[in-house]
């Protein structure tokens, strides 16, 4: 039985004790019962002290284990933090490289667009010049044909009698 229960029994005996007449707050108690309870307390105190010492020892072991675990968690967190910082630096370098590559690509794209426009412009200009020359040649040829054809048509008209209108 725990010491608390023995103390509760002593308290119950005191409550049940008789009041002595003309003596305020004095009561008659069964001394033998109280002595038995006190002896039981004396016998159980060493056991409870042993249990308390065991609890204190267990508590110290738990605290020691908790400190070791906390130190390990802190060590792992610091290692993880270093890894994340390293990863962050790698990501930052990769972003910088990607930005540089994008800038280079945009610059090269603009250069290629300019070269394509210049090439197309030159090709279209040469085609226009060739077409203008061809058109000029065609016009000259038509004029020449008209001039030749006009003389031969006039001659053919003179040879043919006029047509009579149909009814």
N, C-alpha and C. Protein backbone atom coordinates (compact mmCIF):
# COMPACT_ATOMS: atom_id res chain seq x y z
N UNK A 1 0.85 -1.17 0.00
CA UNK A 1 0.00 0.00 0.00
C UNK A 1 0.90 1.24 0.00
N UNK A 2 0.45 2.29 -0.67
CA UNK A 2 1.22 3.52 -0.78
C UNK A 2 1.10 4.33 0.50
N UNK A 3 2.11 5.15 0.74
CA UNK A 3 2.14 5.97 1.94
C UNK A 3 0.95 6.90 2.00
N UNK A 4 0.51 7.39 0.86
CA UNK A 4 -0.66 8.29 0.82
C UNK A 4 -1.89 7.62 1.43
N UNK A 5 -2.06 6.35 1.17
CA UNK A 5 -3.26 5.66 1.70
C UNK A 5 -3.16 5.51 3.22
N UNK A 6 -1.92 5.31 3.75
CA UNK A 6 -1.76 5.23 5.21
C UNK A 6 -2.07 6.58 5.84
N UNK A 7 -1.59 7.63 5.21
CA UNK A 7 -1.86 8.98 5.74
C UNK A 7 -3.36 9.27 5.68
N UNK A 8 -4.02 8.83 4.63
CA UNK A 8 -5.48 9.01 4.54
C UNK A 8 -6.19 8.27 5.67
N UNK A 9 -5.70 7.06 6.01
CA UNK A 9 -6.33 6.29 7.12
C UNK A 9 -6.15 7.01 8.45
N UNK A 10 -4.94 7.57 8.67
CA UNK A 10 -4.71 8.33 9.91
C UNK A 10 -5.64 9.52 9.95
N UNK A 11 -5.81 10.19 8.85
CA UNK A 11 -6.71 11.34 8.78
C UNK A 11 -8.15 10.91 9.09
N UNK A 12 -8.58 9.76 8.55
CA UNK A 12 -9.93 9.24 8.83
C UNK A 12 -10.09 8.94 10.32
N UNK A 13 -9.06 8.33 10.96
CA UNK A 13 -9.12 8.04 12.40
C UNK A 13 -9.27 9.32 13.22
N UNK A 14 -8.56 10.37 12.80
CA UNK A 14 -8.66 11.64 13.52
C UNK A 14 -10.05 12.25 13.37
N UNK A 15 -10.65 12.10 12.20
CA UNK A 15 -12.00 12.64 11.97
C UNK A 15 -13.04 11.87 12.77
N UNK A 16 -12.80 10.56 12.90
CA UNK A 16 -13.77 9.72 13.63
C UNK A 16 -13.59 9.78 15.15
N UNK A 17 -12.49 10.35 15.60
CA UNK A 17 -12.20 10.40 17.04
C UNK A 17 -13.23 11.25 17.77
N UNK A 18 -13.40 10.92 19.07
CA UNK A 18 -14.38 11.64 19.88
C UNK A 18 -13.80 12.93 20.42
N UNK A 19 -14.63 13.94 20.47
CA UNK A 19 -14.22 15.20 21.09
C UNK A 19 -14.23 15.01 22.61
N UNK A 20 -13.22 15.53 23.25
CA UNK A 20 -13.17 15.47 24.71
C UNK A 20 -13.96 16.66 25.27
N UNK A 21 -14.75 16.40 26.27
CA UNK A 21 -15.55 17.49 26.82
C UNK A 21 -14.65 18.58 27.43
N UNK A 22 -15.05 19.77 27.23
CA UNK A 22 -14.38 20.96 27.73
C UNK A 22 -12.96 21.15 27.18
N UNK A 23 -12.59 20.42 26.19
CA UNK A 23 -11.27 20.54 25.59
C UNK A 23 -11.48 20.84 24.10
N UNK A 24 -11.32 22.09 23.75
CA UNK A 24 -11.49 22.46 22.34
C UNK A 24 -10.42 21.81 21.47
N UNK A 25 -10.88 21.26 20.41
CA UNK A 25 -10.02 20.67 19.39
C UNK A 25 -9.15 19.53 19.90
N UNK A 26 -9.54 18.91 20.98
CA UNK A 26 -8.82 17.74 21.46
C UNK A 26 -9.78 16.57 21.35
N UNK A 27 -9.15 15.43 20.92
CA UNK A 27 -9.99 14.26 20.69
C UNK A 27 -9.30 13.03 21.27
N UNK A 28 -10.09 12.01 21.45
CA UNK A 28 -9.56 10.74 21.92
C UNK A 28 -9.39 9.85 20.71
N UNK A 29 -8.20 9.26 20.53
CA UNK A 29 -7.94 8.41 19.38
C UNK A 29 -7.44 7.06 19.85
N UNK A 30 -7.54 6.08 18.96
CA UNK A 30 -7.04 4.73 19.25
C UNK A 30 -5.55 4.74 18.92
N UNK A 31 -4.74 4.80 19.95
CA UNK A 31 -3.30 4.92 19.79
C UNK A 31 -2.72 3.71 19.07
N UNK A 32 -3.21 2.53 19.36
CA UNK A 32 -2.69 1.31 18.73
C UNK A 32 -2.88 1.35 17.21
N UNK A 33 -4.05 1.79 16.76
CA UNK A 33 -4.28 1.86 15.30
C UNK A 33 -3.34 2.86 14.65
N UNK A 34 -3.13 3.97 15.32
CA UNK A 34 -2.23 4.98 14.75
C UNK A 34 -0.81 4.45 14.73
N UNK A 35 -0.37 3.74 15.80
CA UNK A 35 0.98 3.18 15.81
C UNK A 35 1.16 2.14 14.71
N UNK A 36 0.15 1.32 14.49
CA UNK A 36 0.24 0.32 13.42
C UNK A 36 0.41 1.02 12.05
N UNK A 37 -0.39 2.05 11.86
CA UNK A 37 -0.28 2.78 10.58
C UNK A 37 1.08 3.45 10.44
N UNK A 38 1.62 4.01 11.53
CA UNK A 38 2.93 4.63 11.48
C UNK A 38 4.02 3.59 11.20
N UNK A 39 3.89 2.38 11.80
CA UNK A 39 4.85 1.30 11.52
C UNK A 39 4.79 0.89 10.05
N UNK A 40 3.57 0.80 9.53
CA UNK A 40 3.42 0.45 8.11
C UNK A 40 4.06 1.53 7.22
N UNK A 41 3.92 2.79 7.63
CA UNK A 41 4.53 3.88 6.86
C UNK A 41 6.05 3.73 6.89
N UNK A 42 6.60 3.46 8.12
CA UNK A 42 8.06 3.31 8.24
C UNK A 42 8.57 2.17 7.37
N UNK A 43 7.82 1.09 7.30
CA UNK A 43 8.26 -0.06 6.51
C UNK A 43 8.16 0.23 5.01
N UNK A 44 7.20 1.01 4.63
CA UNK A 44 7.01 1.30 3.20
C UNK A 44 7.83 2.48 2.70
N UNK A 45 8.28 3.34 3.59
CA UNK A 45 9.06 4.50 3.16
C UNK A 45 10.31 4.05 2.41
N UNK A 46 11.10 3.10 2.92
CA UNK A 46 12.28 2.72 2.16
C UNK A 46 11.93 2.20 0.75
N UNK A 47 10.84 1.44 0.65
CA UNK A 47 10.43 0.93 -0.67
C UNK A 47 10.06 2.10 -1.59
N UNK A 48 9.31 3.05 -1.10
CA UNK A 48 8.93 4.18 -1.92
C UNK A 48 10.12 5.06 -2.25
N UNK A 49 11.06 5.15 -1.32
CA UNK A 49 12.27 5.91 -1.61
C UNK A 49 13.05 5.22 -2.72
N UNK A 50 13.13 3.88 -2.63
CA UNK A 50 13.80 3.12 -3.70
C UNK A 50 13.11 3.36 -5.04
N UNK A 51 11.77 3.32 -5.01
CA UNK A 51 11.01 3.57 -6.24
C UNK A 51 11.27 4.99 -6.75
N UNK A 52 11.30 5.95 -5.83
CA UNK A 52 11.56 7.33 -6.22
C UNK A 52 12.95 7.48 -6.81
N UNK A 53 13.95 6.81 -6.18
CA UNK A 53 15.31 6.85 -6.72
C UNK A 53 15.34 6.21 -8.11
N UNK A 54 14.61 5.11 -8.26
CA UNK A 54 14.54 4.47 -9.57
C UNK A 54 13.89 5.39 -10.60
N UNK A 55 12.85 6.08 -10.18
CA UNK A 55 12.18 7.02 -11.08
C UNK A 55 13.14 8.15 -11.46
N UNK A 56 13.88 8.67 -10.47
CA UNK A 56 14.85 9.73 -10.74
C UNK A 56 15.93 9.22 -11.70
N UNK A 57 16.41 7.99 -11.44
CA UNK A 57 17.42 7.40 -12.32
C UNK A 57 16.87 7.23 -13.74
N UNK A 58 15.63 6.71 -13.83
CA UNK A 58 15.00 6.56 -15.15
C UNK A 58 14.84 7.91 -15.83
N UNK A 59 14.49 8.89 -15.02
CA UNK A 59 14.32 10.24 -15.56
C UNK A 59 15.64 10.75 -16.12
N UNK A 60 16.72 10.54 -15.40
CA UNK A 60 18.04 10.96 -15.86
C UNK A 60 18.42 10.24 -17.15
N UNK A 61 18.12 8.93 -17.20
CA UNK A 61 18.40 8.16 -18.42
C UNK A 61 17.58 8.71 -19.59
N UNK A 62 16.31 8.98 -19.33
CA UNK A 62 15.45 9.53 -20.38
C UNK A 62 15.96 10.89 -20.85
N UNK A 63 16.35 11.72 -19.88
CA UNK A 63 16.89 13.03 -20.25
C UNK A 63 18.17 12.91 -21.04
N UNK A 64 19.03 11.98 -20.64
CA UNK A 64 20.28 11.76 -21.36
C UNK A 64 20.00 11.28 -22.79
N UNK A 65 19.06 10.33 -22.91
CA UNK A 65 18.67 9.84 -24.25
C UNK A 65 18.08 10.98 -25.08
N UNK A 66 17.24 11.79 -24.44
CA UNK A 66 16.60 12.91 -25.15
C UNK A 66 17.66 13.92 -25.60
N UNK A 67 18.66 14.17 -24.76
CA UNK A 67 19.73 15.10 -25.14
C UNK A 67 20.52 14.55 -26.33
N UNK A 68 20.82 13.24 -26.28
CA UNK A 68 21.56 12.63 -27.40
C UNK A 68 20.73 12.72 -28.68
N UNK A 69 19.44 12.39 -28.57
CA UNK A 69 18.57 12.47 -29.75
C UNK A 69 18.47 13.90 -30.26
N UNK A 70 18.35 14.85 -29.35
CA UNK A 70 18.26 16.26 -29.74
C UNK A 70 19.55 16.69 -30.44
N UNK A 71 20.70 16.26 -29.90
CA UNK A 71 21.98 16.61 -30.53
C UNK A 71 22.07 16.00 -31.93
N UNK A 72 21.60 14.77 -32.08
CA UNK A 72 21.61 14.11 -33.40
C UNK A 72 20.67 14.82 -34.38
N UNK A 73 19.51 15.22 -33.88
CA UNK A 73 18.55 15.94 -34.73
C UNK A 73 19.15 17.28 -35.18
N UNK A 74 19.82 17.97 -34.25
CA UNK A 74 20.46 19.24 -34.58
C UNK A 74 21.56 19.01 -35.61
N UNK A 75 22.36 17.96 -35.41
CA UNK A 75 23.43 17.65 -36.37
C UNK A 75 22.87 17.37 -37.75
N UNK A 76 21.79 16.56 -37.80
CA UNK A 76 21.16 16.25 -39.09
C UNK A 76 20.57 17.51 -39.72
N UNK A 77 19.96 18.36 -38.90
CA UNK A 77 19.37 19.59 -39.43
C UNK A 77 20.46 20.51 -39.99
N UNK A 78 21.59 20.59 -39.30
CA UNK A 78 22.69 21.43 -39.80
C UNK A 78 23.24 20.87 -41.11
N UNK A 79 23.37 19.52 -41.17
CA UNK A 79 23.84 18.90 -42.42
C UNK A 79 22.84 19.16 -43.55
N UNK A 80 21.56 19.05 -43.24
CA UNK A 80 20.52 19.30 -44.25
C UNK A 80 20.55 20.76 -44.70
N UNK A 81 20.77 21.66 -43.73
CA UNK A 81 20.84 23.09 -44.06
C UNK A 81 22.02 23.35 -45.01
N UNK A 82 23.17 22.73 -44.72
CA UNK A 82 24.33 22.90 -45.59
C UNK A 82 24.02 22.37 -46.99
N UNK A 83 23.33 21.21 -47.03
CA UNK A 83 22.97 20.62 -48.33
C UNK A 83 22.02 21.54 -49.09
N UNK A 84 21.04 22.10 -48.38
CA UNK A 84 20.08 22.99 -49.02
C UNK A 84 20.78 24.26 -49.52
N UNK A 85 21.71 24.78 -48.72
CA UNK A 85 22.45 25.97 -49.16
C UNK A 85 23.28 25.64 -50.40
N UNK A 86 23.89 24.46 -50.39
CA UNK A 86 24.66 24.03 -51.56
C UNK A 86 23.74 23.89 -52.77
N UNK A 87 22.58 23.25 -52.54
CA UNK A 87 21.60 23.10 -53.63
C UNK A 87 21.13 24.46 -54.12
N UNK A 88 20.95 25.39 -53.19
CA UNK A 88 20.49 26.73 -53.56
C UNK A 88 21.54 27.43 -54.43
N UNK A 89 22.82 27.24 -54.07
CA UNK A 89 23.88 27.84 -54.88
C UNK A 89 23.91 27.21 -56.27
N UNK A 90 23.71 25.91 -56.33
CA UNK A 90 23.68 25.23 -57.63
C UNK A 90 22.52 25.74 -58.46
N UNK A 91 21.36 25.87 -57.82
CA UNK A 91 20.17 26.37 -58.53
C UNK A 91 20.40 27.80 -59.01
N UNK A 92 21.02 28.61 -58.16
CA UNK A 92 21.30 30.01 -58.53
C UNK A 92 22.24 30.04 -59.73
N UNK A 93 23.29 29.22 -59.69
CA UNK A 93 24.23 29.17 -60.82
C UNK A 93 23.53 28.67 -62.08
N UNK A 94 22.65 27.67 -61.92
CA UNK A 94 21.92 27.14 -63.08
C UNK A 94 20.98 28.21 -63.65
N UNK A 95 20.34 28.97 -62.79
CA UNK A 95 19.46 30.04 -63.26
C UNK A 95 20.26 31.11 -64.00
N UNK A 96 21.42 31.46 -63.45
CA UNK A 96 22.27 32.45 -64.12
C UNK A 96 22.70 31.93 -65.49
N UNK A 97 23.09 30.66 -65.55
CA UNK A 97 23.51 30.06 -66.82
C UNK A 97 22.34 30.03 -67.80
N UNK A 98 21.14 29.68 -67.31
CA UNK A 98 19.95 29.64 -68.17
C UNK A 98 19.64 31.04 -68.70
N UNK A 99 19.77 32.04 -67.85
CA UNK A 99 19.52 33.43 -68.27
C UNK A 99 20.53 33.83 -69.35
N UNK A 100 21.79 33.46 -69.15
CA UNK A 100 22.82 33.77 -70.13
C UNK A 100 22.54 33.06 -71.45
N UNK A 101 22.17 31.76 -71.37
CA UNK A 101 21.86 31.01 -72.59
C UNK A 101 20.66 31.62 -73.32
N UNK A 102 19.65 32.01 -72.58
CA UNK A 102 18.46 32.63 -73.17
C UNK A 102 18.84 33.93 -73.87
N UNK A 103 19.66 34.74 -73.21
CA UNK A 103 20.11 36.00 -73.79
C UNK A 103 20.90 35.74 -75.07
N UNK A 104 21.83 34.77 -75.00
CA UNK A 104 22.63 34.43 -76.19
C UNK A 104 21.73 33.94 -77.32
N UNK A 105 20.76 33.09 -76.98
CA UNK A 105 19.85 32.54 -77.99
C UNK A 105 19.02 33.65 -78.62
N UNK A 106 18.52 34.58 -77.80
CA UNK A 106 17.74 35.69 -78.34
C UNK A 106 18.60 36.56 -79.26
N UNK A 107 19.84 36.78 -78.86
CA UNK A 107 20.74 37.58 -79.68
C UNK A 107 21.01 36.88 -81.01
N UNK A 108 21.30 35.59 -80.96
CA UNK A 108 21.53 34.83 -82.20
C UNK A 108 20.28 34.77 -83.06
N UNK A 109 19.12 34.67 -82.42
CA UNK A 109 17.85 34.65 -83.17
C UNK A 109 17.68 35.96 -83.92
N UNK A 110 17.96 37.08 -83.24
CA UNK A 110 17.85 38.39 -83.90
C UNK A 110 18.82 38.48 -85.08
N UNK A 111 20.04 37.99 -84.88
CA UNK A 111 21.03 38.01 -85.96
C UNK A 111 20.55 37.16 -87.13
N UNK A 112 20.01 35.97 -86.84
CA UNK A 112 19.52 35.09 -87.91
C UNK A 112 18.33 35.72 -88.62
N UNK A 113 17.44 36.38 -87.84
CA UNK A 113 16.30 37.05 -88.47
C UNK A 113 16.78 38.15 -89.41
N UNK A 114 17.78 38.95 -88.93
CA UNK A 114 18.33 40.01 -89.78
C UNK A 114 18.96 39.42 -91.04
N UNK A 115 19.71 38.34 -90.88
CA UNK A 115 20.35 37.70 -92.04
C UNK A 115 19.30 37.15 -93.00
N UNK A 116 18.22 36.54 -92.45
CA UNK A 116 17.15 36.01 -93.29
C UNK A 116 16.44 37.14 -94.03
N UNK A 117 16.20 38.26 -93.34
CA UNK A 117 15.54 39.41 -93.98
C UNK A 117 16.45 39.97 -95.07
N UNK A 118 17.74 40.12 -94.76
CA UNK A 118 18.69 40.64 -95.76
C UNK A 118 18.75 39.72 -96.97
N UNK A 119 18.81 38.41 -96.72
CA UNK A 119 18.86 37.45 -97.82
C UNK A 119 17.59 37.53 -98.66
N UNK A 120 16.42 37.53 -97.96
CA UNK A 120 15.14 37.61 -98.67
C UNK A 120 15.03 38.91 -99.45
N UNK A 121 15.45 40.00 -98.83
CA UNK A 121 15.41 41.31 -99.48
C UNK A 121 16.27 41.29 -100.74
N UNK A 122 17.47 40.76 -100.64
CA UNK A 122 18.36 40.68 -101.80
C UNK A 122 17.77 39.79 -102.90
N UNK A 123 17.24 38.64 -102.50
CA UNK A 123 16.66 37.72 -103.48
C UNK A 123 15.46 38.35 -104.17
N UNK A 124 14.58 38.97 -103.36
CA UNK A 124 13.39 39.62 -103.93
C UNK A 124 13.79 40.80 -104.84
N UNK A 125 14.84 41.56 -104.43
CA UNK A 125 15.31 42.67 -105.26
C UNK A 125 15.83 42.16 -106.60
N UNK A 126 16.63 41.09 -106.55
CA UNK A 126 17.14 40.52 -107.80
C UNK A 126 16.01 39.97 -108.66
N UNK A 127 15.02 39.33 -107.98
CA UNK A 127 13.87 38.81 -108.73
C UNK A 127 13.09 39.95 -109.35
N UNK A 128 12.90 41.05 -108.59
CA UNK A 128 12.19 42.22 -109.10
C UNK A 128 12.93 42.81 -110.30
N UNK A 129 14.26 42.91 -110.16
CA UNK A 129 15.06 43.45 -111.27
C UNK A 129 14.96 42.55 -112.49
N UNK A 130 15.01 41.23 -112.22
CA UNK A 130 14.90 40.28 -113.34
C UNK A 130 13.52 40.38 -113.98
N UNK A 131 12.48 40.51 -113.13
CA UNK A 131 11.12 40.63 -113.66
C UNK A 131 10.95 41.96 -114.40
N UNK A 132 11.55 43.03 -113.87
CA UNK A 132 11.46 44.33 -114.53
C UNK A 132 12.15 44.26 -115.90
N UNK A 133 13.29 43.60 -115.91
CA UNK A 133 14.00 43.43 -117.19
C UNK A 133 13.17 42.59 -118.13
N UNK A 134 12.60 41.49 -117.60
CA UNK A 134 11.77 40.62 -118.44
C UNK A 134 10.53 41.37 -118.92
N UNK A 135 9.91 42.16 -118.03
CA UNK A 135 8.73 42.94 -118.40
C UNK A 135 9.09 43.96 -119.48
N UNK A 136 10.24 44.60 -119.29
CA UNK A 136 10.69 45.57 -120.28
C UNK A 136 10.93 44.87 -121.62
N UNK A 137 11.54 43.68 -121.56
CA UNK A 137 11.77 42.91 -122.79
C UNK A 137 10.44 42.51 -123.43
N UNK A 138 9.49 42.11 -122.58
CA UNK A 138 8.17 41.72 -123.08
C UNK A 138 7.49 42.91 -123.75
N UNK A 139 7.54 44.08 -123.10
CA UNK A 139 6.93 45.28 -123.66
C UNK A 139 7.58 45.63 -125.00
N UNK A 140 8.91 45.56 -125.00
CA UNK A 140 9.63 45.87 -126.25
C UNK A 140 9.23 44.89 -127.34
N UNK A 141 9.14 43.63 -126.96
CA UNK A 141 8.78 42.61 -127.95
C UNK A 141 7.36 42.84 -128.44
N UNK A 142 6.44 43.18 -127.54
CA UNK A 142 5.05 43.45 -127.94
C UNK A 142 4.98 44.65 -128.87
N UNK A 143 5.72 45.67 -128.50
CA UNK A 143 5.72 46.87 -129.36
C UNK A 143 6.26 46.51 -130.74
N UNK A 144 7.35 45.74 -130.71
CA UNK A 144 7.93 45.33 -131.99
C UNK A 144 6.94 44.48 -132.77
N UNK A 145 6.27 43.58 -132.07
CA UNK A 145 5.28 42.73 -132.72
C UNK A 145 4.10 43.58 -133.22
N UNK A 146 3.69 44.53 -132.48
CA UNK A 146 2.59 45.40 -132.88
C UNK A 146 2.98 46.19 -134.12
N UNK A 147 4.18 46.67 -134.07
CA UNK A 147 4.63 47.44 -135.23
C UNK A 147 4.70 46.55 -136.47
N UNK A 148 5.23 45.38 -136.34
CA UNK A 148 5.28 44.45 -137.46
C UNK A 148 3.89 43.97 -137.79
N UNK A 149 3.14 43.64 -136.80
CA UNK A 149 1.79 43.12 -137.00
C UNK A 149 0.86 44.18 -137.52
N UNK A 150 1.03 45.40 -137.20
CA UNK A 150 0.18 46.49 -137.67
C UNK A 150 0.35 46.68 -139.15
N UNK A 151 1.58 46.58 -139.63
CA UNK A 151 1.85 46.74 -141.06
C UNK A 151 1.26 45.57 -141.82
N UNK A 152 1.40 44.37 -141.30
CA UNK A 152 0.86 43.20 -142.03
C UNK A 152 -0.65 43.17 -141.93
N UNK A 153 -1.25 43.64 -140.87
CA UNK A 153 -2.71 43.67 -140.76
C UNK A 153 -3.28 44.70 -141.71
N UNK A 154 -2.62 45.81 -141.82
CA UNK A 154 -3.08 46.83 -142.74
C UNK A 154 -3.05 46.28 -144.16
N UNK A 155 -1.99 45.55 -144.47
CA UNK A 155 -1.88 44.96 -145.81
C UNK A 155 -2.95 43.92 -146.02
N UNK A 156 -3.26 43.15 -145.02
CA UNK A 156 -4.29 42.11 -145.14
C UNK A 156 -5.65 42.75 -145.28
N UNK A 157 -5.91 43.84 -144.64
CA UNK A 157 -7.19 44.51 -144.72
C UNK A 157 -7.40 45.06 -146.13
N UNK A 158 -6.37 45.53 -146.70
CA UNK A 158 -6.48 46.09 -148.04
C UNK A 158 -6.77 44.99 -149.04
N UNK A 159 -6.25 43.81 -148.81
CA UNK A 159 -6.47 42.69 -149.72
C UNK A 159 -7.85 42.13 -149.56
N UNK A 160 -8.45 42.19 -148.49
CA UNK A 160 -9.77 41.60 -148.26
C UNK A 160 -10.85 42.61 -148.59
N UNK A 161 -11.91 42.09 -149.29
CA UNK A 161 -13.02 43.00 -149.56
C UNK A 161 -13.78 43.27 -148.29
N UNK A 162 -14.50 44.37 -148.23
CA UNK A 162 -15.25 44.68 -147.02
C UNK A 162 -16.38 43.68 -146.84
N UNK A 163 -16.71 43.42 -145.69
CA UNK A 163 -17.77 42.47 -145.37
C UNK A 163 -19.12 43.13 -145.52
N UNK A 164 -20.01 42.26 -145.91
CA UNK A 164 -21.37 42.75 -145.99
C UNK A 164 -22.09 42.39 -144.74
N UNK A 165 -22.97 43.24 -144.33
CA UNK A 165 -23.66 42.95 -143.08
C UNK A 165 -24.65 41.83 -143.29
N UNK A 166 -24.82 41.03 -142.32
CA UNK A 166 -25.75 39.91 -142.34
C UNK A 166 -27.10 40.37 -141.85
N UNK A 167 -28.11 39.73 -142.39
CA UNK A 167 -29.47 40.07 -141.97
C UNK A 167 -29.82 39.48 -140.71
